[in-house]
PDB file of N, CA and C in Angstrom:
ATOM      1  N   MET A   1       8.267  -8.849  15.254  1.00  0.00           N
ATOM      2  CA  MET A   1       7.510  -7.811  15.913  1.00  0.00           C
ATOM      3  C   MET A   1       8.468  -6.705  16.389  1.00  0.00           C
ATOM      4  N   ILE A   2       7.989  -5.491  16.310  1.00  0.00           N
ATOM      5  CA  ILE A   2       8.752  -4.344  16.790  1.00  0.00           C
ATOM      6  C   ILE A   2       7.853  -3.490  17.676  1.00  0.00           C
ATOM      7  N   ARG A   3       8.444  -2.623  18.453  1.00  0.00           N
ATOM      8  CA  ARG A   3       7.687  -1.608  19.176  1.00  0.00           C
ATOM      9  C   ARG A   3       7.850  -0.328  18.362  1.00  0.00           C
ATOM     10  N   CYS A   4       6.766   0.155  17.827  1.00  0.00           N
ATOM     11  CA  CYS A   4       6.777   1.322  16.947  1.00  0.00           C
ATOM     12  C   CYS A   4       7.161   2.576  17.734  1.00  0.00           C
ATOM     13  N   SER A   5       8.085   3.335  17.188  1.00  0.00           N
ATOM     14  CA  SER A   5       8.500   4.561  17.880  1.00  0.00           C
ATOM     15  C   SER A   5       7.508   5.703  17.659  1.00  0.00           C
ATOM     16  N   ARG A   6       6.546   5.520  16.781  1.00  0.00           N
ATOM     17  CA  ARG A   6       5.526   6.557  16.574  1.00  0.00           C
ATOM     18  C   ARG A   6       4.317   6.334  17.476  1.00  0.00           C
ATOM     19  N   CYS A   7       3.772   5.108  17.470  1.00  0.00           N
ATOM     20  CA  CYS A   7       2.539   4.844  18.226  1.00  0.00           C
ATOM     21  C   CYS A   7       2.781   4.064  19.512  1.00  0.00           C
ATOM     22  N   SER A   8       3.994   3.572  19.699  1.00  0.00           N
ATOM     23  CA  SER A   8       4.398   2.823  20.892  1.00  0.00           C
ATOM     24  C   SER A   8       3.715   1.470  21.045  1.00  0.00           C
ATOM     25  N   ARG A   9       3.085   0.997  19.988  1.00  0.00           N
ATOM     26  CA  ARG A   9       2.464  -0.329  20.048  1.00  0.00           C
ATOM     27  C   ARG A   9       3.374  -1.348  19.381  1.00  0.00           C
ATOM     28  N   GLU A  10       3.190  -2.607  19.740  1.00  0.00           N
ATOM     29  CA  GLU A  10       3.920  -3.674  19.065  1.00  0.00           C
ATOM     30  C   GLU A  10       3.176  -4.049  17.799  1.00  0.00           C
ATOM     31  N   GLY A  11       3.939  -4.345  16.766  1.00  0.00           N
ATOM     32  CA  GLY A  11       3.323  -4.733  15.509  1.00  0.00           C
ATOM     33  C   GLY A  11       4.367  -5.162  14.509  1.00  0.00           C
ATOM     34  N   GLU A  12       3.905  -5.515  13.349  1.00  0.00           N
ATOM     35  CA  GLU A  12       4.800  -5.884  12.256  1.00  0.00           C
ATOM     36  C   GLU A  12       5.510  -4.631  11.771  1.00  0.00           C
ATOM     37  N   PRO A  13       6.767  -4.768  11.350  1.00  0.00           N
ATOM     38  CA  PRO A  13       7.482  -3.591  10.839  1.00  0.00           C
ATOM     39  C   PRO A  13       6.905  -3.129   9.507  1.00  0.00           C
ATOM     40  N   ALA A  14       7.193  -1.883   9.180  1.00  0.00           N
ATOM     41  CA  ALA A  14       6.786  -1.338   7.876  1.00  0.00           C
ATOM     42  C   ALA A  14       7.411  -2.199   6.784  1.00  0.00           C
ATOM     43  N   PRO A  15       6.686  -2.452   5.698  1.00  0.00           N
ATOM     44  CA  PRO A  15       7.245  -3.268   4.621  1.00  0.00           C
ATOM     45  C   PRO A  15       8.415  -2.540   3.956  1.00  0.00           C
ATOM     46  N   ALA A  16       9.625  -3.017   4.184  1.00  0.00           N
ATOM     47  CA  ALA A  16      10.844  -2.329   3.739  1.00  0.00           C
ATOM     48  C   ALA A  16      10.844  -2.056   2.241  1.00  0.00           C
ATOM     49  N   ALA A  17      10.274  -2.935   1.458  1.00  0.00           N
ATOM     50  CA  ALA A  17      10.265  -2.751   0.006  1.00  0.00           C
ATOM     51  C   ALA A  17       9.426  -1.547  -0.402  1.00  0.00           C
ATOM     52  N   ARG A  18       8.497  -1.128   0.442  1.00  0.00           N
ATOM     53  CA  ARG A  18       7.628  -0.005   0.098  1.00  0.00           C
ATOM     54  C   ARG A  18       8.112   1.319   0.652  1.00  0.00           C
ATOM     55  N   VAL A  19       9.113   1.280   1.531  1.00  0.00           N
ATOM     56  CA  VAL A  19       9.633   2.512   2.120  1.00  0.00           C
ATOM     57  C   VAL A  19      10.535   3.196   1.105  1.00  0.00           C
ATOM     58  N   ALA A  20      10.230   4.440   0.804  1.00  0.00           N
ATOM     59  CA  ALA A  20      10.978   5.204  -0.208  1.00  0.00           C
ATOM     60  C   ALA A  20      12.312   5.699   0.342  1.00  0.00           C
ATOM     61  N   PHE A  21      12.933   6.615  -0.366  1.00  0.00           N
ATOM     62  CA  PHE A  21      14.173   7.281   0.048  1.00  0.00           C
ATOM     63  C   PHE A  21      15.351   6.303   0.055  1.00  0.00           C
ATOM     64  N   LEU A  22      15.507   5.576  -1.024  1.00  0.00           N
ATOM     65  CA  LEU A  22      16.559   4.575  -1.178  1.00  0.00           C
ATOM     66  C   LEU A  22      17.919   5.119  -0.764  1.00  0.00           C
ATOM     67  N   GLY A  23      18.624   4.367   0.053  1.00  0.00           N
ATOM     68  CA  GLY A  23      19.958   4.748   0.490  1.00  0.00           C
ATOM     69  C   GLY A  23      19.995   5.833   1.550  1.00  0.00           C
ATOM     70  N   SER A  24      18.862   6.208   2.065  1.00  0.00           N
ATOM     71  CA  SER A  24      18.776   7.288   3.041  1.00  0.00           C
ATOM     72  C   SER A  24      18.689   6.729   4.458  1.00  0.00           C
ATOM     73  N   PRO A  25      19.318   7.404   5.428  1.00  0.00           N
ATOM     74  CA  PRO A  25      19.135   6.989   6.823  1.00  0.00           C
ATOM     75  C   PRO A  25      17.664   7.034   7.246  1.00  0.00           C
ATOM     76  N   LEU A  26      16.893   7.925   6.640  1.00  0.00           N
ATOM     77  CA  LEU A  26      15.456   8.002   6.954  1.00  0.00           C
ATOM     78  C   LEU A  26      14.775   6.689   6.599  1.00  0.00           C
ATOM     79  N   LYS A  27      15.106   6.115   5.444  1.00  0.00           N
ATOM     80  CA  LYS A  27      14.526   4.834   5.044  1.00  0.00           C
ATOM     81  C   LYS A  27      14.846   3.770   6.080  1.00  0.00           C
ATOM     82  N   GLU A  28      16.090   3.722   6.519  1.00  0.00           N
ATOM     83  CA  GLU A  28      16.497   2.726   7.502  1.00  0.00           C
ATOM     84  C   GLU A  28      15.721   2.882   8.810  1.00  0.00           C
ATOM     85  N   ARG A  29      15.593   4.107   9.286  1.00  0.00           N
ATOM     86  CA  ARG A  29      14.875   4.338  10.546  1.00  0.00           C
ATOM     87  C   ARG A  29      13.411   3.965  10.427  1.00  0.00           C
ATOM     88  N   VAL A  30      12.781   4.362   9.335  1.00  0.00           N
ATOM     89  CA  VAL A  30      11.362   4.042   9.161  1.00  0.00           C
ATOM     90  C   VAL A  30      11.188   2.529   9.068  1.00  0.00           C
ATOM     91  N   ALA A  31      12.032   1.868   8.294  1.00  0.00           N
ATOM     92  CA  ALA A  31      11.913   0.418   8.120  1.00  0.00           C
ATOM     93  C   ALA A  31      12.150  -0.332   9.428  1.00  0.00           C
ATOM     94  N   GLN A  32      12.994   0.185  10.297  1.00  0.00           N
ATOM     95  CA  GLN A  32      13.331  -0.505  11.538  1.00  0.00           C
ATOM     96  C   GLN A  32      12.466  -0.102  12.721  1.00  0.00           C
ATOM     97  N   GLU A  33      11.919   1.113  12.716  1.00  0.00           N
ATOM     98  CA  GLU A  33      11.257   1.637  13.909  1.00  0.00           C
ATOM     99  C   GLU A  33       9.752   1.832  13.788  1.00  0.00           C
ATOM    100  N   MET A  34       9.202   1.793  12.576  1.00  0.00           N
ATOM    101  CA  MET A  34       7.780   2.089  12.405  1.00  0.00           C
ATOM    102  C   MET A  34       6.995   0.824  12.074  1.00  0.00           C
ATOM    103  N   CYS A  35       5.802   0.743  12.645  1.00  0.00           N
ATOM    104  CA  CYS A  35       4.949  -0.414  12.369  1.00  0.00           C
ATOM    105  C   CYS A  35       4.227  -0.244  11.030  1.00  0.00           C
ATOM    106  N   ALA A  36       3.732  -1.355  10.538  1.00  0.00           N
ATOM    107  CA  ALA A  36       3.037  -1.358   9.255  1.00  0.00           C
ATOM    108  C   ALA A  36       1.792  -0.473   9.292  1.00  0.00           C
ATOM    109  N   GLU A  37       1.134  -0.418  10.442  1.00  0.00           N
ATOM    110  CA  GLU A  37      -0.080   0.405  10.571  1.00  0.00           C
ATOM    111  C   GLU A  37       0.252   1.897  10.423  1.00  0.00           C
ATOM    112  N   CYS A  38       1.326   2.335  11.079  1.00  0.00           N
ATOM    113  CA  CYS A  38       1.732   3.739  10.944  1.00  0.00           C
ATOM    114  C   CYS A  38       2.230   4.021   9.529  1.00  0.00           C
ATOM    115  N   TRP A  39       2.891   3.045   8.917  1.00  0.00           N
ATOM    116  CA  TRP A  39       3.348   3.226   7.539  1.00  0.00           C
ATOM    117  C   TRP A  39       2.154   3.411   6.621  1.00  0.00           C
ATOM    118  N   LYS A  40       1.096   2.636   6.818  1.00  0.00           N
ATOM    119  CA  LYS A  40      -0.114   2.777   6.000  1.00  0.00           C
ATOM    120  C   LYS A  40      -0.716   4.176   6.178  1.00  0.00           C
ATOM    121  N   ALA A  41      -0.706   4.674   7.412  1.00  0.00           N
ATOM    122  CA  ALA A  41      -1.214   6.034   7.659  1.00  0.00           C
ATOM    123  C   ALA A  41      -0.369   7.055   6.907  1.00  0.00           C
ATOM    124  N   TRP A  42       0.963   6.843   6.875  1.00  0.00           N
ATOM    125  CA  TRP A  42       1.822   7.757   6.118  1.00  0.00           C
ATOM    126  C   TRP A  42       1.513   7.694   4.632  1.00  0.00           C
ATOM    127  N   GLU A  43       1.300   6.511   4.093  1.00  0.00           N
ATOM    128  CA  GLU A  43       1.008   6.389   2.658  1.00  0.00           C
ATOM    129  C   GLU A  43      -0.235   7.199   2.291  1.00  0.00           C
ATOM    130  N   GLU A  44      -1.226   7.209   3.168  1.00  0.00           N
ATOM    131  CA  GLU A  44      -2.422   8.018   2.914  1.00  0.00           C
ATOM    132  C   GLU A  44      -2.093   9.505   2.995  1.00  0.00           C
ATOM    133  N   MET A  45      -1.284   9.888   3.987  1.00  0.00           N
ATOM    134  CA  MET A  45      -0.884  11.288   4.130  1.00  0.00           C
ATOM    135  C   MET A  45       0.020  11.713   2.974  1.00  0.00           C
ATOM    136  N   GLU A  46       0.875  10.813   2.520  1.00  0.00           N
ATOM    137  CA  GLU A  46       1.791  11.108   1.423  1.00  0.00           C
ATOM    138  C   GLU A  46       1.032  11.565   0.176  1.00  0.00           C
ATOM    139  N   ILE A  47      -0.053  10.896  -0.131  1.00  0.00           N
ATOM    140  CA  ILE A  47      -0.879  11.277  -1.285  1.00  0.00           C
ATOM    141  C   ILE A  47      -1.405  12.697  -1.107  1.00  0.00           C
ATOM    142  N   LYS A  48      -1.844  13.020   0.096  1.00  0.00           N
ATOM    143  CA  LYS A  48      -2.357  14.364   0.366  1.00  0.00           C
ATOM    144  C   LYS A  48      -1.255  15.410   0.214  1.00  0.00           C
ATOM    145  N   VAL A  49      -0.059  15.101   0.719  1.00  0.00           N
ATOM    146  CA  VAL A  49       1.065  16.040   0.614  1.00  0.00           C
ATOM    147  C   VAL A  49       1.423  16.264  -0.859  1.00  0.00           C
ATOM    148  N   ILE A  50       1.517  15.188  -1.618  1.00  0.00           N
ATOM    149  CA  ILE A  50       1.859  15.289  -3.045  1.00  0.00           C
ATOM    150  C   ILE A  50       0.835  16.147  -3.773  1.00  0.00           C
ATOM    151  N   ASN A  51      -0.438  15.891  -3.516  1.00  0.00           N
ATOM    152  CA  ASN A  51      -1.490  16.649  -4.195  1.00  0.00           C
ATOM    153  C   ASN A  51      -1.554  18.098  -3.724  1.00  0.00           C
ATOM    154  N   GLU A  52      -1.457  18.319  -2.414  1.00  0.00           N
ATOM    155  CA  GLU A  52      -1.560  19.667  -1.859  1.00  0.00           C
ATOM    156  C   GLU A  52      -0.477  20.589  -2.407  1.00  0.00           C
ATOM    157  N   TYR A  53       0.757  20.074  -2.447  1.00  0.00           N
ATOM    158  CA  TYR A  53       1.878  20.904  -2.889  1.00  0.00           C
ATOM    159  C   TYR A  53       2.227  20.696  -4.359  1.00  0.00           C
ATOM    160  N   ARG A  54       1.456  19.855  -5.035  1.00  0.00           N
ATOM    161  CA  ARG A  54       1.666  19.571  -6.463  1.00  0.00           C
ATOM    162  C   ARG A  54       3.124  19.217  -6.739  1.00  0.00           C
ATOM    163  N   LEU A  55       3.601  18.237  -5.986  1.00  0.00           N
ATOM    164  CA  LEU A  55       5.001  17.861  -6.078  1.00  0.00           C
ATOM    165  C   LEU A  55       5.298  17.150  -7.394  1.00  0.00           C
ATOM    166  N   ASN A  56       6.428  17.497  -7.953  1.00  0.00           N
ATOM    167  CA  ASN A  56       6.925  16.905  -9.196  1.00  0.00           C
ATOM    168  C   ASN A  56       8.239  16.212  -8.848  1.00  0.00           C
ATOM    169  N   PHE A  57       8.295  14.906  -8.981  1.00  0.00           N
ATOM    170  CA  PHE A  57       9.468  14.167  -8.544  1.00  0.00           C
ATOM    171  C   PHE A  57      10.669  14.307  -9.456  1.00  0.00           C
ATOM    172  N   MET A  58      10.537  15.039 -10.538  1.00  0.00           N
ATOM    173  CA  MET A  58      11.690  15.373 -11.363  1.00  0.00           C
ATOM    174  C   MET A  58      12.478  16.510 -10.716  1.00  0.00           C
ATOM    175  N   ASP A  59      11.858  17.218  -9.784  1.00  0.00           N
ATOM    176  CA  ASP A  59      12.489  18.350  -9.101  1.00  0.00           C
ATOM    177  C   ASP A  59      13.087  17.869  -7.775  1.00  0.00           C
ATOM    178  N   PRO A  60      14.412  17.977  -7.618  1.00  0.00           N
ATOM    179  CA  PRO A  60      15.051  17.504  -6.383  1.00  0.00           C
ATOM    180  C   PRO A  60      14.507  18.184  -5.120  1.00  0.00           C
ATOM    181  N   GLU A  61      14.135  19.442  -5.208  1.00  0.00           N
ATOM    182  CA  GLU A  61      13.586  20.139  -4.038  1.00  0.00           C
ATOM    183  C   GLU A  61      12.229  19.553  -3.644  1.00  0.00           C
ATOM    184  N   HIS A  62      11.445  19.148  -4.620  1.00  0.00           N
ATOM    185  CA  HIS A  62      10.150  18.536  -4.316  1.00  0.00           C
ATOM    186  C   HIS A  62      10.347  17.189  -3.634  1.00  0.00           C
ATOM    187  N   ARG A  63      11.337  16.419  -4.070  1.00  0.00           N
ATOM    188  CA  ARG A  63      11.640  15.148  -3.413  1.00  0.00           C
ATOM    189  C   ARG A  63      12.088  15.404  -1.973  1.00  0.00           C
ATOM    190  N   ALA A  64      12.906  16.425  -1.774  1.00  0.00           N
ATOM    191  CA  ALA A  64      13.362  16.779  -0.428  1.00  0.00           C
ATOM    192  C   ALA A  64      12.184  17.224   0.442  1.00  0.00           C
ATOM    193  N   GLN A  65      11.240  17.947  -0.147  1.00  0.00           N
ATOM    194  CA  GLN A  65      10.067  18.401   0.597  1.00  0.00           C
ATOM    195  C   GLN A  65       9.242  17.208   1.074  1.00  0.00           C
ATOM    196  N   LEU A  66       9.085  16.197   0.233  1.00  0.00           N
ATOM    197  CA  LEU A  66       8.347  15.006   0.629  1.00  0.00           C
ATOM    198  C   LEU A  66       9.091  14.258   1.731  1.00  0.00           C
ATOM    199  N   LYS A  67      10.398  14.203   1.630  1.00  0.00           N
ATOM    200  CA  LYS A  67      11.210  13.545   2.652  1.00  0.00           C
ATOM    201  C   LYS A  67      11.049  14.262   3.998  1.00  0.00           C
ATOM    202  N   ARG A  68      11.043  15.595   3.976  1.00  0.00           N
ATOM    203  CA  ARG A  68      10.841  16.367   5.207  1.00  0.00           C
ATOM    204  C   ARG A  68       9.451  16.108   5.796  1.00  0.00           C
ATOM    205  N   ALA A  69       8.456  16.026   4.922  1.00  0.00           N
ATOM    206  CA  ALA A  69       7.092  15.759   5.390  1.00  0.00           C
ATOM    207  C   ALA A  69       7.008  14.381   6.037  1.00  0.00           C
ATOM    208  N   CYS A  70       7.708  13.409   5.477  1.00  0.00           N
ATOM    209  CA  CYS A  70       7.734  12.062   6.050  1.00  0.00           C
ATOM    210  C   CYS A  70       8.401  12.098   7.420  1.00  0.00           C
ATOM    211  N   ALA A  71       9.530  12.764   7.525  1.00  0.00           N
ATOM    212  CA  ALA A  71      10.241  12.870   8.808  1.00  0.00           C
ATOM    213  C   ALA A  71       9.363  13.566   9.851  1.00  0.00           C
ATOM    214  N   ASP A  72       8.655  14.611   9.440  1.00  0.00           N
ATOM    215  CA  ASP A  72       7.748  15.311  10.357  1.00  0.00           C
ATOM    216  C   ASP A  72       6.615  14.391  10.812  1.00  0.00           C
ATOM    217  N   PHE A  73       6.056  13.646   9.868  1.00  0.00           N
ATOM    218  CA  PHE A  73       4.941  12.748  10.187  1.00  0.00           C
ATOM    219  C   PHE A  73       5.358  11.720  11.226  1.00  0.00           C
ATOM    220  N   PHE A  74       6.557  11.184  11.090  1.00  0.00           N
ATOM    221  CA  PHE A  74       7.056  10.174  12.020  1.00  0.00           C
ATOM    222  C   PHE A  74       7.793  10.779  13.206  1.00  0.00           C
ATOM    223  N   GLN A  75       7.815  12.105  13.270  1.00  0.00           N
ATOM    224  CA  GLN A  75       8.468  12.835  14.349  1.00  0.00           C
ATOM    225  C   GLN A  75       9.943  12.446  14.478  1.00  0.00           C
ATOM    226  N   LEU A  76      10.604  12.413  13.317  1.00  0.00           N
ATOM    227  CA  LEU A  76      12.028  12.117  13.239  1.00  0.00           C
ATOM    228  C   LEU A  76      12.768  13.374  12.858  1.00  0.00           C
ATOM    229  N   ASN A  77      14.028  13.409  13.158  1.00  0.00           N
ATOM    230  CA  ASN A  77      14.873  14.529  12.765  1.00  0.00           C
ATOM    231  C   ASN A  77      14.889  14.602  11.235  1.00  0.00           C
ATOM    232  N   PRO A  78      14.484  15.721  10.627  1.00  0.00           N
ATOM    233  CA  PRO A  78      14.416  15.802   9.165  1.00  0.00           C
ATOM    234  C   PRO A  78      15.758  15.695   8.472  1.00  0.00           C
ATOM    235  N   THR A  79      16.855  15.787   9.177  1.00  0.00           N
ATOM    236  CA  THR A  79      18.158  15.664   8.524  1.00  0.00           C
ATOM    237  C   THR A  79      18.587  14.213   8.381  1.00  0.00           C
ATOM    238  N   THR A  80      17.789  13.279   8.930  1.00  0.00           N
ATOM    239  CA  THR A  80      18.154  11.866   8.834  1.00  0.00           C
ATOM    240  C   THR A  80      17.718  11.282   7.527  1.00  0.00           C
TER     241      THR A  80
END
């Protein structure tokens, strides 16, 4: 059990295998600090962000844009 830094409730941690941004400090923070419930909410928002901005993951800037959106959603420093 963890205390989620987004919703402040106790819960199971986000499933680390599903957290993107391999090798990134953002992945580590999300996996350690966010609950599974907030992670599920992000997964739903992630689809909206991808569709809204028509992100193409072959483009490094589009991947960075999604990473920034994730950091914003979890209210984390986007440089992490």
